[in-house]
């Protein structure tokens, strides 16, 4: 389960930032796209394990799920594809090869006190 190693990294980064600023972390906000290769529920479970015995113990991991967005060269705009298995423009049906959004796995904020 690689989600545990990801959770450990998140906890390390957040703890380092909290220590640098002299604050306590109550929550970590994470943006997560479906193409990041991470199972949300496994990451949430792993996060709780990773926090035990650290300054982030009892903190929450808040995940914002980000949709896949592709760029359609025919329509010259960004939009969600027909499906995850069918990366074609949902309006004109052209195949799209440029993924604009959906691979994210980034810490975007810390709730601190």
N, C-alpha and C. Protein backbone atom coordinates (compact mmCIF):
# COMPACT_ATOMS: atom_id res chain seq x y z
N UNK A 1 0.85 -1.17 0.00
CA UNK A 1 0.00 0.00 0.00
C UNK A 1 0.90 1.25 0.00
N UNK A 2 1.04 1.88 -1.15
CA UNK A 2 1.91 3.05 -1.22
C UNK A 2 1.26 4.28 -0.59
N UNK A 3 -0.03 4.21 -0.26
CA UNK A 3 -0.70 5.33 0.38
C UNK A 3 -0.09 5.63 1.76
N UNK A 4 0.41 4.59 2.43
CA UNK A 4 1.03 4.82 3.73
C UNK A 4 2.30 5.65 3.58
N UNK A 5 3.13 5.35 2.59
CA UNK A 5 4.34 6.16 2.40
C UNK A 5 3.99 7.58 2.00
N UNK A 6 2.92 7.75 1.24
CA UNK A 6 2.47 9.10 0.88
C UNK A 6 1.98 9.83 2.12
N UNK A 7 1.21 9.15 2.95
CA UNK A 7 0.71 9.76 4.19
C UNK A 7 1.86 10.15 5.11
N UNK A 8 2.87 9.30 5.21
CA UNK A 8 4.04 9.63 6.03
C UNK A 8 4.74 10.88 5.51
N UNK A 9 4.83 11.01 4.20
CA UNK A 9 5.45 12.20 3.61
C UNK A 9 4.62 13.46 3.89
N UNK A 10 3.32 13.33 3.80
CA UNK A 10 2.44 14.48 4.10
C UNK A 10 2.62 14.92 5.55
N UNK A 11 2.64 13.95 6.46
CA UNK A 11 2.82 14.26 7.88
C UNK A 11 4.18 14.90 8.12
N UNK A 12 5.23 14.38 7.49
CA UNK A 12 6.57 14.96 7.65
C UNK A 12 6.61 16.41 7.17
N UNK A 13 6.04 16.66 5.99
CA UNK A 13 6.04 18.02 5.45
C UNK A 13 5.25 18.98 6.33
N UNK A 14 4.08 18.55 6.77
CA UNK A 14 3.24 19.41 7.61
C UNK A 14 3.89 19.65 8.97
N UNK A 15 4.49 18.62 9.55
CA UNK A 15 5.14 18.76 10.85
C UNK A 15 6.35 19.69 10.75
N UNK A 16 7.08 19.58 9.66
CA UNK A 16 8.24 20.46 9.45
C UNK A 16 7.79 21.92 9.34
N UNK A 17 6.73 22.17 8.59
CA UNK A 17 6.22 23.53 8.44
C UNK A 17 5.67 24.06 9.77
N UNK A 18 4.97 23.21 10.51
CA UNK A 18 4.42 23.62 11.80
C UNK A 18 5.54 23.96 12.78
N UNK A 19 6.58 23.16 12.78
CA UNK A 19 7.73 23.41 13.66
C UNK A 19 8.42 24.72 13.29
N UNK A 20 8.54 24.96 12.00
CA UNK A 20 9.20 26.18 11.53
C UNK A 20 8.43 27.43 11.94
N UNK A 21 7.10 27.32 11.95
CA UNK A 21 6.25 28.47 12.28
C UNK A 21 5.83 28.50 13.75
N UNK A 22 6.11 27.45 14.47
CA UNK A 22 5.74 27.39 15.87
C UNK A 22 4.23 27.29 16.09
N UNK A 23 3.57 26.48 15.29
CA UNK A 23 2.11 26.33 15.38
C UNK A 23 1.75 24.85 15.49
N UNK A 24 0.48 24.60 15.81
CA UNK A 24 -0.06 23.24 15.86
C UNK A 24 -0.97 23.06 14.65
N UNK A 25 -0.83 21.95 13.95
CA UNK A 25 -1.65 21.67 12.77
C UNK A 25 -2.91 20.93 13.19
N UNK A 26 -4.06 21.49 12.81
CA UNK A 26 -5.35 20.85 13.08
C UNK A 26 -5.84 20.08 11.87
N UNK A 27 -5.48 20.56 10.66
CA UNK A 27 -5.93 19.89 9.44
C UNK A 27 -4.97 20.18 8.30
N UNK A 28 -4.86 19.21 7.42
CA UNK A 28 -4.07 19.35 6.19
C UNK A 28 -5.05 19.26 5.03
N UNK A 29 -5.01 20.25 4.15
CA UNK A 29 -5.88 20.26 2.97
C UNK A 29 -5.07 19.79 1.76
N UNK A 30 -5.60 18.81 1.07
CA UNK A 30 -4.91 18.18 -0.05
C UNK A 30 -5.83 18.18 -1.28
N UNK A 31 -5.29 18.56 -2.42
CA UNK A 31 -6.01 18.43 -3.70
C UNK A 31 -5.55 17.12 -4.32
N UNK A 32 -6.52 16.31 -4.75
CA UNK A 32 -6.20 14.98 -5.26
C UNK A 32 -7.00 14.70 -6.53
N UNK A 33 -6.27 14.42 -7.60
CA UNK A 33 -6.90 14.08 -8.87
C UNK A 33 -6.99 12.58 -9.05
N UNK A 34 -7.96 12.12 -9.84
CA UNK A 34 -8.12 10.68 -10.05
C UNK A 34 -6.96 10.02 -10.80
N UNK A 35 -6.15 10.80 -11.50
CA UNK A 35 -5.01 10.24 -12.23
C UNK A 35 -3.73 10.23 -11.39
N UNK A 36 -3.82 10.60 -10.13
CA UNK A 36 -2.65 10.61 -9.25
C UNK A 36 -2.26 9.19 -8.82
N UNK A 37 -3.15 8.24 -9.02
CA UNK A 37 -2.84 6.86 -8.66
C UNK A 37 -2.93 6.59 -7.18
N UNK A 38 -3.77 7.34 -6.48
CA UNK A 38 -3.92 7.20 -5.03
C UNK A 38 -5.38 6.91 -4.72
N UNK A 39 -5.62 5.94 -3.85
CA UNK A 39 -6.97 5.61 -3.41
C UNK A 39 -7.29 6.48 -2.20
N UNK A 40 -8.31 7.32 -2.35
CA UNK A 40 -8.65 8.30 -1.31
C UNK A 40 -8.87 7.65 0.04
N UNK A 41 -9.70 6.62 0.11
CA UNK A 41 -10.01 5.99 1.40
C UNK A 41 -8.77 5.36 2.04
N UNK A 42 -7.92 4.78 1.23
CA UNK A 42 -6.67 4.20 1.75
C UNK A 42 -5.75 5.29 2.29
N UNK A 43 -5.73 6.43 1.61
CA UNK A 43 -4.90 7.54 2.07
C UNK A 43 -5.43 8.11 3.38
N UNK A 44 -6.74 8.25 3.50
CA UNK A 44 -7.33 8.75 4.75
C UNK A 44 -7.01 7.82 5.91
N UNK A 45 -7.15 6.51 5.69
CA UNK A 45 -6.83 5.53 6.72
C UNK A 45 -5.34 5.60 7.08
N UNK A 46 -4.50 5.66 6.07
CA UNK A 46 -3.05 5.71 6.28
C UNK A 46 -2.63 6.98 7.00
N UNK A 47 -3.31 8.07 6.70
CA UNK A 47 -2.98 9.35 7.35
C UNK A 47 -3.16 9.24 8.86
N UNK A 48 -4.27 8.66 9.27
CA UNK A 48 -4.50 8.49 10.72
C UNK A 48 -3.40 7.67 11.36
N UNK A 49 -2.96 6.61 10.69
CA UNK A 49 -1.85 5.79 11.21
C UNK A 49 -0.55 6.58 11.25
N UNK A 50 -0.28 7.33 10.19
CA UNK A 50 0.97 8.09 10.08
C UNK A 50 1.07 9.19 11.14
N UNK A 51 -0.08 9.69 11.58
CA UNK A 51 -0.09 10.79 12.56
C UNK A 51 0.17 10.33 13.99
N UNK A 52 -0.09 9.06 14.26
CA UNK A 52 0.05 8.57 15.63
C UNK A 52 1.46 8.83 16.16
N UNK A 53 1.50 9.44 17.35
CA UNK A 53 2.77 9.71 18.00
C UNK A 53 3.56 10.87 17.41
N UNK A 54 2.92 11.66 16.56
CA UNK A 54 3.58 12.83 15.96
C UNK A 54 2.85 14.09 16.41
N UNK A 55 3.42 15.25 16.16
CA UNK A 55 2.73 16.50 16.48
C UNK A 55 1.40 16.67 15.73
N UNK A 56 1.16 15.89 14.70
CA UNK A 56 -0.09 15.98 13.95
C UNK A 56 -1.15 15.00 14.44
N UNK A 57 -0.86 14.29 15.53
CA UNK A 57 -1.82 13.35 16.09
C UNK A 57 -3.15 14.07 16.30
N UNK A 58 -4.23 13.47 15.89
CA UNK A 58 -5.61 13.99 15.98
C UNK A 58 -5.91 15.07 14.94
N UNK A 59 -5.00 15.34 14.03
CA UNK A 59 -5.30 16.28 12.95
C UNK A 59 -6.11 15.55 11.88
N UNK A 60 -6.72 16.33 10.99
CA UNK A 60 -7.55 15.75 9.93
C UNK A 60 -6.89 15.97 8.58
N UNK A 61 -7.13 15.05 7.69
CA UNK A 61 -6.74 15.20 6.29
C UNK A 61 -8.01 15.48 5.51
N UNK A 62 -8.08 16.65 4.91
CA UNK A 62 -9.25 17.07 4.14
C UNK A 62 -8.87 17.03 2.67
N UNK A 63 -9.54 16.15 1.93
CA UNK A 63 -9.19 15.94 0.52
C UNK A 63 -10.23 16.57 -0.38
N UNK A 64 -9.74 17.46 -1.25
CA UNK A 64 -10.57 18.04 -2.30
C UNK A 64 -10.31 17.22 -3.55
N UNK A 65 -11.33 16.56 -4.04
CA UNK A 65 -11.19 15.75 -5.24
C UNK A 65 -11.30 16.66 -6.47
N UNK A 66 -10.31 16.57 -7.33
CA UNK A 66 -10.22 17.41 -8.52
C UNK A 66 -10.59 16.58 -9.74
N UNK A 67 -11.49 17.06 -10.59
CA UNK A 67 -11.88 16.27 -11.77
C UNK A 67 -10.79 16.31 -12.85
N UNK A 68 -10.86 15.35 -13.73
CA UNK A 68 -9.98 15.35 -14.90
C UNK A 68 -10.50 16.40 -15.88
N UNK A 69 -9.60 17.23 -16.38
CA UNK A 69 -9.93 18.23 -17.39
C UNK A 69 -8.92 18.07 -18.52
N UNK A 70 -9.43 18.06 -19.74
CA UNK A 70 -8.57 17.94 -20.92
C UNK A 70 -8.74 19.18 -21.79
N UNK A 71 -7.76 19.41 -22.64
CA UNK A 71 -7.86 20.52 -23.59
C UNK A 71 -8.26 19.96 -24.95
N UNK A 72 -9.36 20.50 -25.50
CA UNK A 72 -9.81 20.10 -26.82
C UNK A 72 -9.27 21.10 -27.83
N UNK A 73 -8.46 20.61 -28.74
CA UNK A 73 -7.87 21.51 -29.74
C UNK A 73 -8.89 21.95 -30.78
N UNK A 74 -9.89 21.14 -31.00
CA UNK A 74 -10.94 21.53 -31.95
C UNK A 74 -11.81 22.66 -31.38
N UNK A 75 -12.27 22.50 -30.14
CA UNK A 75 -13.12 23.52 -29.50
C UNK A 75 -12.28 24.67 -28.93
N UNK A 76 -10.98 24.43 -28.81
CA UNK A 76 -10.03 25.40 -28.23
C UNK A 76 -10.44 25.81 -26.82
N UNK A 77 -10.80 24.82 -26.03
CA UNK A 77 -11.17 25.07 -24.64
C UNK A 77 -10.88 23.85 -23.78
N UNK A 78 -10.90 24.07 -22.47
CA UNK A 78 -10.69 22.99 -21.51
C UNK A 78 -12.05 22.52 -21.00
N UNK A 79 -12.22 21.20 -20.92
CA UNK A 79 -13.45 20.65 -20.36
C UNK A 79 -13.20 19.22 -19.87
N UNK A 80 -14.18 18.73 -19.12
CA UNK A 80 -14.08 17.36 -18.63
C UNK A 80 -14.30 16.40 -19.80
N UNK A 81 -13.57 15.29 -19.83
CA UNK A 81 -13.75 14.31 -20.92
C UNK A 81 -15.05 13.52 -20.75
N UNK A 82 -15.36 12.75 -21.77
CA UNK A 82 -16.56 11.91 -21.73
C UNK A 82 -16.53 10.99 -20.51
N UNK A 83 -15.40 10.36 -20.26
CA UNK A 83 -15.22 9.52 -19.08
C UNK A 83 -13.72 9.35 -18.85
N UNK A 84 -13.39 8.70 -17.74
CA UNK A 84 -11.98 8.44 -17.42
C UNK A 84 -11.39 7.44 -18.42
N UNK A 85 -12.21 6.58 -18.97
CA UNK A 85 -11.72 5.58 -19.91
C UNK A 85 -11.77 6.10 -21.35
N UNK A 86 -12.45 7.22 -21.57
CA UNK A 86 -12.66 7.75 -22.91
C UNK A 86 -12.32 9.24 -22.91
N UNK A 87 -11.03 9.54 -23.08
CA UNK A 87 -10.57 10.93 -23.00
C UNK A 87 -10.85 11.67 -24.31
N UNK A 88 -12.14 11.83 -24.59
CA UNK A 88 -12.56 12.62 -25.74
C UNK A 88 -13.35 13.82 -25.22
N UNK A 89 -13.36 14.88 -26.01
CA UNK A 89 -14.11 16.07 -25.67
C UNK A 89 -15.59 15.71 -25.48
N UNK A 90 -16.16 16.18 -24.39
CA UNK A 90 -17.55 15.86 -24.09
C UNK A 90 -18.54 16.64 -24.96
N UNK A 91 -18.05 17.61 -25.73
CA UNK A 91 -18.94 18.40 -26.59
C UNK A 91 -18.84 17.94 -28.04
N UNK A 92 -17.60 17.93 -28.59
CA UNK A 92 -17.46 17.59 -30.01
C UNK A 92 -17.06 16.14 -30.26
N UNK A 93 -16.59 15.45 -29.23
CA UNK A 93 -16.22 14.04 -29.35
C UNK A 93 -14.83 13.79 -29.88
N UNK A 94 -14.05 14.84 -30.17
CA UNK A 94 -12.69 14.64 -30.65
C UNK A 94 -11.80 14.03 -29.55
N UNK A 95 -10.88 13.16 -29.95
CA UNK A 95 -9.92 12.64 -28.97
C UNK A 95 -9.06 13.78 -28.43
N UNK A 96 -8.77 13.74 -27.15
CA UNK A 96 -7.94 14.77 -26.53
C UNK A 96 -6.71 14.10 -25.93
N UNK A 97 -5.59 14.73 -26.09
CA UNK A 97 -4.34 14.15 -25.61
C UNK A 97 -3.67 15.00 -24.55
N UNK A 98 -4.17 16.20 -24.37
CA UNK A 98 -3.56 17.11 -23.40
C UNK A 98 -4.40 17.14 -22.12
N UNK A 99 -3.88 16.51 -21.08
CA UNK A 99 -4.56 16.51 -19.78
C UNK A 99 -4.12 17.76 -19.03
N UNK A 100 -5.08 18.60 -18.70
CA UNK A 100 -4.82 19.88 -18.05
C UNK A 100 -4.87 19.74 -16.54
N UNK A 101 -5.75 18.89 -16.06
CA UNK A 101 -5.97 18.74 -14.62
C UNK A 101 -6.40 17.31 -14.33
N UNK A 102 -6.03 16.84 -13.14
CA UNK A 102 -6.46 15.51 -12.73
C UNK A 102 -5.35 14.64 -12.18
N UNK A 103 -4.11 15.12 -12.30
CA UNK A 103 -2.96 14.36 -11.78
C UNK A 103 -2.50 14.88 -10.42
N UNK A 104 -3.18 15.91 -9.92
CA UNK A 104 -2.73 16.60 -8.71
C UNK A 104 -2.70 15.71 -7.48
N UNK A 105 -1.70 15.94 -6.68
CA UNK A 105 -1.64 15.47 -5.31
C UNK A 105 -0.77 16.50 -4.61
N UNK A 106 -1.42 17.53 -4.09
CA UNK A 106 -0.66 18.64 -3.52
C UNK A 106 -1.31 19.16 -2.25
N UNK A 107 -0.46 19.46 -1.30
CA UNK A 107 -0.92 20.11 -0.08
C UNK A 107 -1.17 21.57 -0.43
N UNK A 108 -2.38 22.04 -0.18
CA UNK A 108 -2.72 23.42 -0.53
C UNK A 108 -2.87 24.32 0.68
N UNK A 109 -3.11 23.74 1.86
CA UNK A 109 -3.27 24.58 3.05
C UNK A 109 -3.12 23.74 4.31
N UNK A 110 -2.75 24.43 5.37
CA UNK A 110 -2.72 23.85 6.70
C UNK A 110 -3.62 24.68 7.59
N UNK A 111 -4.50 24.04 8.35
CA UNK A 111 -5.25 24.73 9.38
C UNK A 111 -4.42 24.64 10.66
N UNK A 112 -4.09 25.78 11.22
CA UNK A 112 -3.20 25.81 12.38
C UNK A 112 -3.80 26.63 13.51
N UNK A 113 -3.22 26.46 14.69
CA UNK A 113 -3.57 27.32 15.84
C UNK A 113 -2.30 27.70 16.57
